[in-house]
Protein backbone atom coordinates (compact mmCIF):
# COMPACT_ATOMS: atom_id res chain seq x y z
CA UNK A 1 -7.37 -16.65 -16.96
CA UNK A 2 -6.83 -15.16 -13.54
CA UNK A 3 -8.89 -12.41 -11.99
CA UNK A 4 -7.39 -10.21 -9.30
CA UNK A 5 -9.42 -7.96 -7.04
CA UNK A 6 -7.71 -5.48 -4.75
CA UNK A 7 -9.16 -3.73 -1.76
CA UNK A 8 -8.05 -1.73 1.23
CA UNK A 9 -6.92 1.52 -0.28
CA UNK A 10 -8.05 4.67 1.46
CA UNK A 11 -6.92 7.96 2.95
CA UNK A 12 -4.44 7.65 5.78
CA UNK A 13 -2.26 10.08 7.67
CA UNK A 14 1.49 10.03 7.30
CA UNK A 15 2.97 7.62 9.81
CA UNK A 16 -0.12 5.47 9.74
CA UNK A 17 -0.69 1.92 8.55
CA UNK A 18 -2.82 0.26 5.94
CA UNK A 19 -3.30 -3.26 4.68
CA UNK A 20 -4.09 -4.00 1.07
CA UNK A 21 -5.70 -7.26 0.03
CA UNK A 22 -5.67 -9.01 -3.33
CA UNK A 23 -7.89 -12.00 -3.97
CA UNK A 24 -7.16 -14.21 -6.95
CA UNK A 25 -9.69 -16.36 -8.74
CA UNK A 26 -9.90 -18.32 -11.95
CA UNK A 27 -7.00 -20.46 -13.14
CA UNK A 28 -4.97 -19.95 -9.98
CA UNK A 29 -2.97 -23.10 -10.56
CA UNK A 30 -0.91 -21.13 -13.07
CA UNK A 31 0.17 -18.51 -10.54
CA UNK A 32 3.83 -18.72 -9.54
CA UNK A 33 4.29 -15.30 -8.01
CA UNK A 34 2.19 -12.37 -6.90
CA UNK A 35 3.16 -8.83 -6.33
CA UNK A 36 2.16 -5.29 -5.63
CA UNK A 37 3.03 -2.42 -7.91
CA UNK A 38 2.20 1.24 -7.63
CA UNK A 39 1.86 4.19 -9.90
CA UNK A 40 1.78 7.79 -8.84
CA UNK A 41 0.48 10.55 -11.14
CA UNK A 42 3.05 11.37 -13.78
CA UNK A 43 5.29 8.49 -12.83
CA UNK A 44 5.91 5.03 -14.17
CA UNK A 45 4.49 1.98 -12.50
CA UNK A 46 7.02 0.49 -10.11
CA UNK A 47 7.38 -2.79 -8.32
CA UNK A 48 6.77 -2.58 -4.60
CA UNK A 49 6.91 -6.15 -3.36
CA UNK A 50 6.77 -9.64 -4.81
CA UNK A 51 6.22 -13.03 -3.24
CA UNK A 52 6.78 -16.48 -4.66
CA UNK A 53 3.58 -18.32 -3.83
CA UNK A 54 5.16 -21.73 -3.29
CA UNK A 55 8.18 -20.79 -1.19
CA UNK A 56 7.09 -17.51 0.33
CA UNK A 57 10.31 -15.87 -0.78
CA UNK A 58 9.88 -12.11 -0.99
CA UNK A 59 11.51 -9.13 -2.62
CA UNK A 60 10.98 -5.45 -1.86
CA UNK A 61 11.75 -2.14 -3.43
CA UNK A 62 14.41 -0.30 -1.46
CA UNK A 63 11.98 2.52 -0.77
CA UNK A 64 9.65 0.26 1.25
CA UNK A 65 12.05 -2.15 2.93
CA UNK A 66 11.45 -2.30 6.64
CA UNK A 67 8.05 -0.62 6.32
CA UNK A 68 6.01 -2.87 4.03
CA UNK A 69 5.41 -6.59 4.31
CA UNK A 70 3.95 -8.83 1.63
CA UNK A 71 2.39 -12.10 2.68
CA UNK A 72 0.11 -14.72 1.22
CA UNK A 73 -2.59 -17.12 2.32
CA UNK A 74 -2.61 -19.83 -0.29
CA UNK A 75 -5.73 -21.41 1.15
CA UNK A 76 -7.60 -18.17 0.50
CA UNK A 77 -5.80 -17.33 -2.77
CA UNK A 78 -5.01 -14.01 -1.20
CA UNK A 79 -1.99 -11.77 -0.98
CA UNK A 80 -1.64 -8.92 1.48
CA UNK A 81 0.50 -5.84 1.63
CA UNK A 82 0.91 -4.48 5.12
CA UNK A 83 2.11 -0.90 4.90
CA UNK A 84 3.45 0.79 8.02
CA UNK A 85 5.02 4.17 8.61
CA UNK A 86 3.39 5.51 5.48
CA UNK A 87 4.90 8.55 3.85
CA UNK A 88 3.36 11.06 1.45
CA UNK A 89 5.56 9.61 -1.29
CA UNK A 90 3.78 6.27 -0.86
CA UNK A 91 0.64 7.85 -2.24
CA UNK A 92 -0.28 6.07 -5.47
CA UNK A 93 -2.61 3.65 -7.14
CA UNK A 94 -1.59 0.18 -6.02
CA UNK A 95 -2.02 -2.75 -8.36
CA UNK A 96 -1.93 -6.45 -7.71
CA UNK A 97 -0.08 -8.58 -10.20
CA UNK A 98 0.20 -12.30 -10.75
CA UNK A 99 2.73 -14.14 -12.84
CA UNK A 100 3.01 -17.64 -14.17
CA UNK A 101 5.32 -19.74 -16.31
CA UNK A 102 5.31 -17.27 -19.18
CA UNK A 103 4.39 -13.67 -20.10
CA UNK A 104 0.96 -14.78 -21.26
CA UNK A 105 0.20 -15.72 -17.66
CA UNK A 106 0.62 -12.19 -16.30
CA UNK A 107 -2.50 -10.51 -14.94
CA UNK A 108 -3.34 -7.24 -13.24
CA UNK A 109 -6.01 -6.09 -10.88
CA UNK A 110 -7.94 -2.87 -11.33
CA UNK A 111 -5.99 -1.02 -8.67
CA UNK A 112 -6.78 0.55 -5.33
CA UNK A 113 -5.94 4.10 -4.38
CA UNK A 114 -3.81 4.94 -1.39
CA UNK A 115 -3.74 8.55 -0.30
CA UNK A 116 -1.32 9.69 2.40
CA UNK A 117 -1.90 13.06 3.98
CA UNK A 118 0.99 14.94 5.52
């Protein structure tokens, strides 16, 4: 199993920046990709950014392209989400996700709350 622990969520003003951190532990050898998802009240969980841990290849939701950056530090088993130019619509619970060679290797963190004041 893989355990994911997020941190970094807090209250920030619109236009500000925030960095989220996700630390993975456990059977990390099974992790092929890691990502950040978010869920706002009354809305479905959506993918924000994903990174392939081996190659560093990334993918972003259109709504965050140019503002958010996902990165990883494999030595620390950590993935970051740097969020710049935050907007009120970015306000949500942000969840870290890890994926492996099959659906049984998918894990989620407990989430961290990001609040953006206008």
